[in-house]
PDB file of N, CA and C in Angstrom:
ATOM      1  N   MET A   1       7.267 -79.559-147.914  1.00  0.00           N
ATOM      2  CA  MET A   1       6.965 -80.006-146.481  1.00  0.00           C
ATOM      3  C   MET A   1       5.732 -81.225-146.850  1.00  0.00           C
ATOM      4  N   ILE A   2       4.848 -81.225-147.464  1.00  0.00           N
ATOM      5  CA  ILE A   2       3.840 -82.346-147.934  1.00  0.00           C
ATOM      6  C   ILE A   2       4.683 -83.245-148.500  1.00  0.00           C
ATOM      7  N   ASP A   3       5.644 -83.402-149.525  1.00  0.00           N
ATOM      8  CA  ASP A   3       6.183 -84.129-150.398  1.00  0.00           C
ATOM      9  C   ASP A   3       7.001 -85.025-148.975  1.00  0.00           C
ATOM     10  N   GLU A   4       7.681 -84.352-148.085  1.00  0.00           N
ATOM     11  CA  GLU A   4       8.352 -84.991-147.379  1.00  0.00           C
ATOM     12  C   GLU A   4       7.539 -85.746-146.434  1.00  0.00           C
ATOM     13  N   LEU A   5       6.160 -85.198-146.035  1.00  0.00           N
ATOM     14  CA  LEU A   5       5.455 -85.913-145.032  1.00  0.00           C
ATOM     15  C   LEU A   5       4.851 -87.266-146.198  1.00  0.00           C
ATOM     16  N   LYS A   6       4.550 -87.230-147.226  1.00  0.00           N
ATOM     17  CA  LYS A   6       4.230 -88.204-148.092  1.00  0.00           C
ATOM     18  C   LYS A   6       5.217 -89.367-148.346  1.00  0.00           C
ATOM     19  N   ILE A   7       6.579 -88.763-148.322  1.00  0.00           N
ATOM     20  CA  ILE A   7       7.613 -89.793-148.620  1.00  0.00           C
ATOM     21  C   ILE A   7       7.658 -90.507-147.004  1.00  0.00           C
ATOM     22  N   ILE A   8       7.602 -90.004-146.006  1.00  0.00           N
ATOM     23  CA  ILE A   8       7.651 -90.748-144.810  1.00  0.00           C
ATOM     24  C   ILE A   8       6.188 -91.475-144.510  1.00  0.00           C
ATOM     25  N   GLY A   9       5.315 -91.104-145.155  1.00  0.00           N
ATOM     26  CA  GLY A   9       4.267 -91.887-144.932  1.00  0.00           C
ATOM     27  C   GLY A   9       4.185 -93.272-145.697  1.00  0.00           C
ATOM     28  N   THR A  10       4.947 -93.329-146.555  1.00  0.00           N
ATOM     29  CA  THR A  10       5.016 -94.368-147.629  1.00  0.00           C
ATOM     30  C   THR A  10       5.640 -95.448-146.602  1.00  0.00           C
ATOM     31  N   ARG A  11       6.649 -95.141-145.662  1.00  0.00           N
ATOM     32  CA  ARG A  11       7.316 -96.224-144.887  1.00  0.00           C
ATOM     33  C   ARG A  11       6.244 -96.813-143.829  1.00  0.00           C
ATOM     34  N   PHE A  12       5.017 -96.270-143.404  1.00  0.00           N
ATOM     35  CA  PHE A  12       4.103 -96.454-142.329  1.00  0.00           C
ATOM     36  C   PHE A  12       2.750 -96.867-142.907  1.00  0.00           C
ATOM     37  N   ASP A  13       2.680 -96.770-144.331  1.00  0.00           N
ATOM     38  CA  ASP A  13       1.229 -96.829-144.862  1.00  0.00           C
ATOM     39  C   ASP A  13       0.584 -95.792-144.414  1.00  0.00           C
ATOM     40  N   ALA A  14       0.887 -94.712-144.273  1.00  0.00           N
ATOM     41  CA  ALA A  14       0.241 -93.617-143.712  1.00  0.00           C
ATOM     42  C   ALA A  14      -0.023 -92.264-144.495  1.00  0.00           C
ATOM     43  N   SER A  15      -1.146 -91.604-144.212  1.00  0.00           N
ATOM     44  CA  SER A  15      -1.135 -90.219-144.750  1.00  0.00           C
ATOM     45  C   SER A  15      -0.388 -88.987-144.111  1.00  0.00           C
ATOM     46  N   PRO A  16      -0.324 -88.014-145.046  1.00  0.00           N
ATOM     47  CA  PRO A  16       0.526 -86.824-144.485  1.00  0.00           C
ATOM     48  C   PRO A  16       0.037 -86.496-143.287  1.00  0.00           C
ATOM     49  N   ALA A  17      -1.460 -86.568-143.096  1.00  0.00           N
ATOM     50  CA  ALA A  17      -1.780 -85.920-142.000  1.00  0.00           C
ATOM     51  C   ALA A  17      -1.604 -86.848-140.791  1.00  0.00           C
ATOM     52  N   GLN A  18      -1.601 -88.294-140.955  1.00  0.00           N
ATOM     53  CA  GLN A  18      -0.967 -88.856-139.969  1.00  0.00           C
ATOM     54  C   GLN A  18       0.529 -88.743-139.800  1.00  0.00           C
ATOM     55  N   VAL A  19       1.202 -88.581-140.376  1.00  0.00           N
ATOM     56  CA  VAL A  19       2.737 -88.349-140.158  1.00  0.00           C
ATOM     57  C   VAL A  19       2.757 -87.056-139.392  1.00  0.00           C
ATOM     58  N   ALA A  20       1.960 -85.998-139.918  1.00  0.00           N
ATOM     59  CA  ALA A  20       1.945 -84.522-139.087  1.00  0.00           C
ATOM     60  C   ALA A  20       1.329 -84.871-137.678  1.00  0.00           C
ATOM     61  N   THR A  21       0.344 -85.715-137.395  1.00  0.00           N
ATOM     62  CA  THR A  21      -0.034 -85.818-136.121  1.00  0.00           C
ATOM     63  C   THR A  21       1.326 -86.474-135.282  1.00  0.00           C
ATOM     64  N   ALA A  22       1.928 -87.552-136.002  1.00  0.00           N
ATOM     65  CA  ALA A  22       2.827 -88.413-135.242  1.00  0.00           C
ATOM     66  C   ALA A  22       4.057 -87.423-134.926  1.00  0.00           C
ATOM     67  N   TRP A  23       4.239 -86.474-135.586  1.00  0.00           N
ATOM     68  CA  TRP A  23       5.363 -85.471-135.502  1.00  0.00           C
ATOM     69  C   TRP A  23       4.956 -84.595-134.316  1.00  0.00           C
ATOM     70  N   ALA A  24       3.891 -84.139-134.147  1.00  0.00           N
ATOM     71  CA  ALA A  24       3.372 -83.432-133.034  1.00  0.00           C
ATOM     72  C   ALA A  24       3.535 -84.191-131.764  1.00  0.00           C
ATOM     73  N   ILE A  25       3.129 -85.451-131.732  1.00  0.00           N
ATOM     74  CA  ILE A  25       3.224 -86.254-130.771  1.00  0.00           C
ATOM     75  C   ILE A  25       4.707 -86.422-130.307  1.00  0.00           C
ATOM     76  N   ALA A  26       5.607 -86.688-131.422  1.00  0.00           N
ATOM     77  CA  ALA A  26       7.263 -86.829-131.234  1.00  0.00           C
ATOM     78  C   ALA A  26       7.519 -85.736-130.586  1.00  0.00           C
ATOM     79  N   LYS A  27       6.980 -84.509-130.640  1.00  0.00           N
ATOM     80  CA  LYS A  27       7.591 -83.063-130.067  1.00  0.00           C
ATOM     81  C   LYS A  27       6.899 -83.069-128.751  1.00  0.00           C
ATOM     82  N   GLY A  28       6.133 -83.938-128.230  1.00  0.00           N
ATOM     83  CA  GLY A  28       5.921 -83.839-126.838  1.00  0.00           C
ATOM     84  C   GLY A  28       4.268 -83.303-126.582  1.00  0.00           C
ATOM     85  N   THR A  29       3.793 -83.114-127.551  1.00  0.00           N
ATOM     86  CA  THR A  29       2.621 -82.366-127.780  1.00  0.00           C
ATOM     87  C   THR A  29       1.335 -83.528-127.694  1.00  0.00           C
ATOM     88  N   LEU A  30       0.033 -82.782-127.265  1.00  0.00           N
ATOM     89  CA  LEU A  30      -1.032 -83.683-127.484  1.00  0.00           C
ATOM     90  C   LEU A  30      -2.017 -83.137-128.603  1.00  0.00           C
ATOM     91  N   PRO A  31      -1.856 -83.429-129.817  1.00  0.00           N
ATOM     92  CA  PRO A  31      -2.859 -82.727-130.969  1.00  0.00           C
ATOM     93  C   PRO A  31      -4.292 -82.616-130.686  1.00  0.00           C
ATOM     94  N   ILE A  32      -5.109 -81.832-130.992  1.00  0.00           N
ATOM     95  CA  ILE A  32      -6.313 -81.808-130.347  1.00  0.00           C
ATOM     96  C   ILE A  32      -7.016 -81.934-131.965  1.00  0.00           C
ATOM     97  N   ILE A  33      -7.304 -82.932-132.591  1.00  0.00           N
ATOM     98  CA  ILE A  33      -7.987 -83.170-133.764  1.00  0.00           C
ATOM     99  C   ILE A  33      -9.317 -83.183-133.773  1.00  0.00           C
ATOM    100  N   GLY A  34     -10.069 -82.335-134.628  1.00  0.00           N
ATOM    101  CA  GLY A  34     -11.415 -82.234-134.711  1.00  0.00           C
ATOM    102  C   GLY A  34     -11.643 -82.935-135.797  1.00  0.00           C
ATOM    103  N   VAL A  35     -12.716 -83.877-135.657  1.00  0.00           N
ATOM    104  CA  VAL A  35     -13.298 -84.947-136.571  1.00  0.00           C
ATOM    105  C   VAL A  35     -14.709 -85.021-136.405  1.00  0.00           C
ATOM    106  N   THR A  36     -15.412 -85.486-137.777  1.00  0.00           N
ATOM    107  CA  THR A  36     -16.979 -85.524-137.581  1.00  0.00           C
ATOM    108  C   THR A  36     -17.179 -86.946-138.220  1.00  0.00           C
ATOM    109  N   LYS A  37     -16.155 -87.842-138.759  1.00  0.00           N
ATOM    110  CA  LYS A  37     -16.505 -89.226-139.089  1.00  0.00           C
ATOM    111  C   LYS A  37     -15.888 -90.194-138.314  1.00  0.00           C
ATOM    112  N   VAL A  38     -16.578 -91.273-138.269  1.00  0.00           N
ATOM    113  CA  VAL A  38     -15.735 -92.307-137.536  1.00  0.00           C
ATOM    114  C   VAL A  38     -14.200 -92.748-138.491  1.00  0.00           C
ATOM    115  N   ASN A  39     -14.410 -92.896-139.535  1.00  0.00           N
ATOM    116  CA  ASN A  39     -13.169 -93.238-140.096  1.00  0.00           C
ATOM    117  C   ASN A  39     -12.143 -92.367-139.905  1.00  0.00           C
ATOM    118  N   ARG A  40     -12.554 -91.047-139.833  1.00  0.00           N
ATOM    119  CA  ARG A  40     -11.408 -89.882-139.372  1.00  0.00           C
ATOM    120  C   ARG A  40     -10.605 -90.106-137.961  1.00  0.00           C
ATOM    121  N   VAL A  41     -11.702 -90.455-137.052  1.00  0.00           N
ATOM    122  CA  VAL A  41     -11.171 -90.938-135.795  1.00  0.00           C
ATOM    123  C   VAL A  41     -10.155 -91.870-135.872  1.00  0.00           C
ATOM    124  N   GLU A  42     -10.529 -93.313-136.725  1.00  0.00           N
ATOM    125  CA  GLU A  42      -9.606 -94.363-136.895  1.00  0.00           C
ATOM    126  C   GLU A  42      -8.307 -94.053-137.494  1.00  0.00           C
ATOM    127  N   GLU A  43      -8.361 -92.782-138.429  1.00  0.00           N
ATOM    128  CA  GLU A  43      -7.292 -92.630-139.035  1.00  0.00           C
ATOM    129  C   GLU A  43      -6.371 -91.804-138.131  1.00  0.00           C
ATOM    130  N   ALA A  44      -6.742 -91.055-137.333  1.00  0.00           N
ATOM    131  CA  ALA A  44      -5.985 -90.198-136.211  1.00  0.00           C
ATOM    132  C   ALA A  44      -5.549 -91.064-135.360  1.00  0.00           C
ATOM    133  N   ALA A  45      -6.157 -92.091-134.842  1.00  0.00           N
ATOM    134  CA  ALA A  45      -5.779 -93.233-133.912  1.00  0.00           C
ATOM    135  C   ALA A  45      -4.560 -93.818-134.288  1.00  0.00           C
ATOM    136  N   LYS A  46      -4.541 -93.901-135.736  1.00  0.00           N
ATOM    137  CA  LYS A  46      -3.250 -94.896-136.135  1.00  0.00           C
ATOM    138  C   LYS A  46      -2.045 -93.889-136.111  1.00  0.00           C
ATOM    139  N   ALA A  47      -2.036 -92.684-136.013  1.00  0.00           N
ATOM    140  CA  ALA A  47      -0.969 -91.875-136.022  1.00  0.00           C
ATOM    141  C   ALA A  47      -0.211 -92.283-134.603  1.00  0.00           C
ATOM    142  N   VAL A  48      -0.551 -92.499-133.666  1.00  0.00           N
ATOM    143  CA  VAL A  48       0.081 -93.009-132.316  1.00  0.00           C
ATOM    144  C   VAL A  48       0.931 -94.257-132.743  1.00  0.00           C
ATOM    145  N   CYS A  49       0.769 -94.874-133.553  1.00  0.00           N
ATOM    146  CA  CYS A  49       1.707 -96.186-133.972  1.00  0.00           C
ATOM    147  C   CYS A  49       2.719 -95.807-134.700  1.00  0.00           C
ATOM    148  N   ILE A  50       2.704 -94.679-135.265  1.00  0.00           N
ATOM    149  CA  ILE A  50       3.907 -94.106-136.001  1.00  0.00           C
ATOM    150  C   ILE A  50       5.150 -93.642-135.309  1.00  0.00           C
ATOM    151  N   ASN A  51       6.103 -94.219-135.246  1.00  0.00           N
ATOM    152  CA  ASN A  51       7.271 -94.133-134.310  1.00  0.00           C
ATOM    153  C   ASN A  51       8.437 -93.165-135.485  1.00  0.00           C
ATOM    154  N   LEU A  52       8.387 -91.864-135.499  1.00  0.00           N
ATOM    155  CA  LEU A  52       9.337 -91.221-136.502  1.00  0.00           C
ATOM    156  C   LEU A  52      10.745 -91.644-135.923  1.00  0.00           C
ATOM    157  N   THR A  53      11.490 -91.507-136.789  1.00  0.00           N
ATOM    158  CA  THR A  53      13.033 -91.727-136.485  1.00  0.00           C
ATOM    159  C   THR A  53      13.593 -90.053-136.183  1.00  0.00           C
ATOM    160  N   ALA A  54      14.653 -90.144-135.560  1.00  0.00           N
ATOM    161  CA  ALA A  54      15.426 -88.910-135.045  1.00  0.00           C
ATOM    162  C   ALA A  54      15.670 -87.970-136.483  1.00  0.00           C
ATOM    163  N   ASP A  55      15.932 -88.697-137.302  1.00  0.00           N
ATOM    164  CA  ASP A  55      16.102 -88.214-138.809  1.00  0.00           C
ATOM    165  C   ASP A  55      14.952 -87.566-139.350  1.00  0.00           C
ATOM    166  N   GLU A  56      14.042 -88.184-139.351  1.00  0.00           N
ATOM    167  CA  GLU A  56      12.675 -87.798-139.872  1.00  0.00           C
ATOM    168  C   GLU A  56      12.293 -86.501-139.354  1.00  0.00           C
ATOM    169  N   ILE A  57      12.306 -86.519-137.845  1.00  0.00           N
ATOM    170  CA  ILE A  57      11.843 -85.323-137.240  1.00  0.00           C
ATOM    171  C   ILE A  57      12.750 -84.309-137.470  1.00  0.00           C
ATOM    172  N   SER A  58      14.028 -84.465-137.593  1.00  0.00           N
ATOM    173  CA  SER A  58      15.010 -83.345-137.803  1.00  0.00           C
ATOM    174  C   SER A  58      14.717 -82.922-139.335  1.00  0.00           C
ATOM    175  N   ARG A  59      14.296 -83.712-139.982  1.00  0.00           N
ATOM    176  CA  ARG A  59      14.118 -83.339-141.514  1.00  0.00           C
ATOM    177  C   ARG A  59      12.801 -82.457-141.726  1.00  0.00           C
ATOM    178  N   LEU A  60      12.017 -82.855-140.678  1.00  0.00           N
ATOM    179  CA  LEU A  60      10.489 -82.087-140.571  1.00  0.00           C
ATOM    180  C   LEU A  60      10.722 -80.810-140.131  1.00  0.00           C
ATOM    181  N   GLU A  61      11.401 -80.741-138.876  1.00  0.00           N
ATOM    182  CA  GLU A  61      11.885 -79.400-138.479  1.00  0.00           C
ATOM    183  C   GLU A  61      12.560 -78.405-139.473  1.00  0.00           C
ATOM    184  N   LYS A  62      13.473 -79.108-140.258  1.00  0.00           N
ATOM    185  CA  LYS A  62      14.262 -78.092-140.963  1.00  0.00           C
ATOM    186  C   LYS A  62      13.470 -77.655-141.846  1.00  0.00           C
ATOM    187  N   LEU A  63      12.489 -78.446-142.631  1.00  0.00           N
ATOM    188  CA  LEU A  63      11.303 -78.126-143.646  1.00  0.00           C
ATOM    189  C   LEU A  63      10.531 -76.983-143.174  1.00  0.00           C
ATOM    190  N   GLY A  64      10.058 -77.172-141.911  1.00  0.00           N
ATOM    191  CA  GLY A  64       9.242 -76.299-141.504  1.00  0.00           C
ATOM    192  C   GLY A  64       9.856 -74.889-141.458  1.00  0.00           C
ATOM    193  N   ASP A  65      11.258 -74.843-140.714  1.00  0.00           N
ATOM    194  CA  ASP A  65      11.776 -73.647-140.683  1.00  0.00           C
ATOM    195  C   ASP A  65      12.061 -72.902-142.055  1.00  0.00           C
ATOM    196  N   GLU A  66      12.436 -73.654-143.153  1.00  0.00           N
ATOM    197  CA  GLU A  66      12.619 -73.244-144.624  1.00  0.00           C
ATOM    198  C   GLU A  66      11.612 -72.805-144.976  1.00  0.00           C
ATOM    199  N   THR A  67      10.288 -73.449-145.038  1.00  0.00           N
ATOM    200  CA  THR A  67       9.012 -73.127-145.701  1.00  0.00           C
ATOM    201  C   THR A  67       8.157 -71.765-144.595  1.00  0.00           C
ATOM    202  N   GLY A  68       8.895 -71.494-143.349  1.00  0.00           N
ATOM    203  CA  GLY A  68       8.021 -70.533-142.814  1.00  0.00           C
ATOM    204  C   GLY A  68       6.848 -71.160-141.857  1.00  0.00           C
ATOM    205  N   VAL A  69       6.762 -72.429-141.754  1.00  0.00           N
ATOM    206  CA  VAL A  69       5.686 -72.926-140.791  1.00  0.00           C
ATOM    207  C   VAL A  69       6.305 -72.631-139.626  1.00  0.00           C
ATOM    208  N   HIS A  70       5.116 -72.062-138.930  1.00  0.00           N
ATOM    209  CA  HIS A  70       5.398 -71.816-137.499  1.00  0.00           C
ATOM    210  C   HIS A  70       5.125 -73.015-136.572  1.00  0.00           C
ATOM    211  N   ILE A  71       6.155 -73.990-136.349  1.00  0.00           N
ATOM    212  CA  ILE A  71       5.920 -75.102-135.494  1.00  0.00           C
ATOM    213  C   ILE A  71       6.127 -75.234-134.175  1.00  0.00           C
ATOM    214  N   LEU A  72       6.501 -73.782-133.689  1.00  0.00           N
ATOM    215  CA  LEU A  72       6.549 -73.678-131.896  1.00  0.00           C
ATOM    216  C   LEU A  72       5.597 -72.914-131.728  1.00  0.00           C
ATOM    217  N   ARG A  73       5.033 -73.324-130.546  1.00  0.00           N
ATOM    218  CA  ARG A  73       3.860 -72.385-130.077  1.00  0.00           C
ATOM    219  C   ARG A  73       4.571 -72.226-128.635  1.00  0.00           C
ATOM    220  N   GLU A  74       3.874 -71.224-127.875  1.00  0.00           N
ATOM    221  CA  GLU A  74       4.233 -70.588-126.662  1.00  0.00           C
ATOM    222  C   GLU A  74       4.543 -71.512-125.739  1.00  0.00           C
ATOM    223  N   TRP A  75       3.748 -72.824-125.525  1.00  0.00           N
ATOM    224  CA  TRP A  75       3.724 -73.608-124.553  1.00  0.00           C
ATOM    225  C   TRP A  75       5.024 -74.650-124.912  1.00  0.00           C
ATOM    226  N   GLU A  76       5.433 -74.690-125.995  1.00  0.00           N
ATOM    227  CA  GLU A  76       6.382 -75.712-126.203  1.00  0.00           C
ATOM    228  C   GLU A  76       7.939 -75.293-126.046  1.00  0.00           C
ATOM    229  N   LYS A  77       8.725 -76.223-125.653  1.00  0.00           N
ATOM    230  CA  LYS A  77      10.160 -76.094-125.306  1.00  0.00           C
ATOM    231  C   LYS A  77      10.723 -75.986-126.730  1.00  0.00           C
ATOM    232  N   GLU A  78      11.687 -75.077-126.783  1.00  0.00           N
ATOM    233  CA  GLU A  78      12.759 -75.212-127.939  1.00  0.00           C
ATOM    234  C   GLU A  78      13.069 -76.709-127.941  1.00  0.00           C
ATOM    235  N   MET A  79      13.196 -77.475-129.227  1.00  0.00           N
ATOM    236  CA  MET A  79      14.163 -78.581-129.414  1.00  0.00           C
ATOM    237  C   MET A  79      15.436 -78.436-129.616  1.00  0.00           C
TER     238      MET A  79
END
C-alpha cells in the first residue's frame, strides 16, 4: 500500500500522506488532519490539488482490500 502511495505521489511530487489524503477526498470524505506545525498544514493543503484518476483510486481500493486496511467507515457509502 505504501509503495503504491509513493508511486502515485511521484506523478504529483507528493508524499504518501498527501496521496492518502487526496484518496480520502476522492472518496467523498472530508479528512480531519491533526497538525502542530505550519509546514504540515501547507502539506495537507496541497493534497486538495491532487486529482487521482479512476484507475489510481481503484488500485488503492484493491490494495486496501488485499492488505486488510479498513477503508470504509459506517458513514461512507460503498463505492
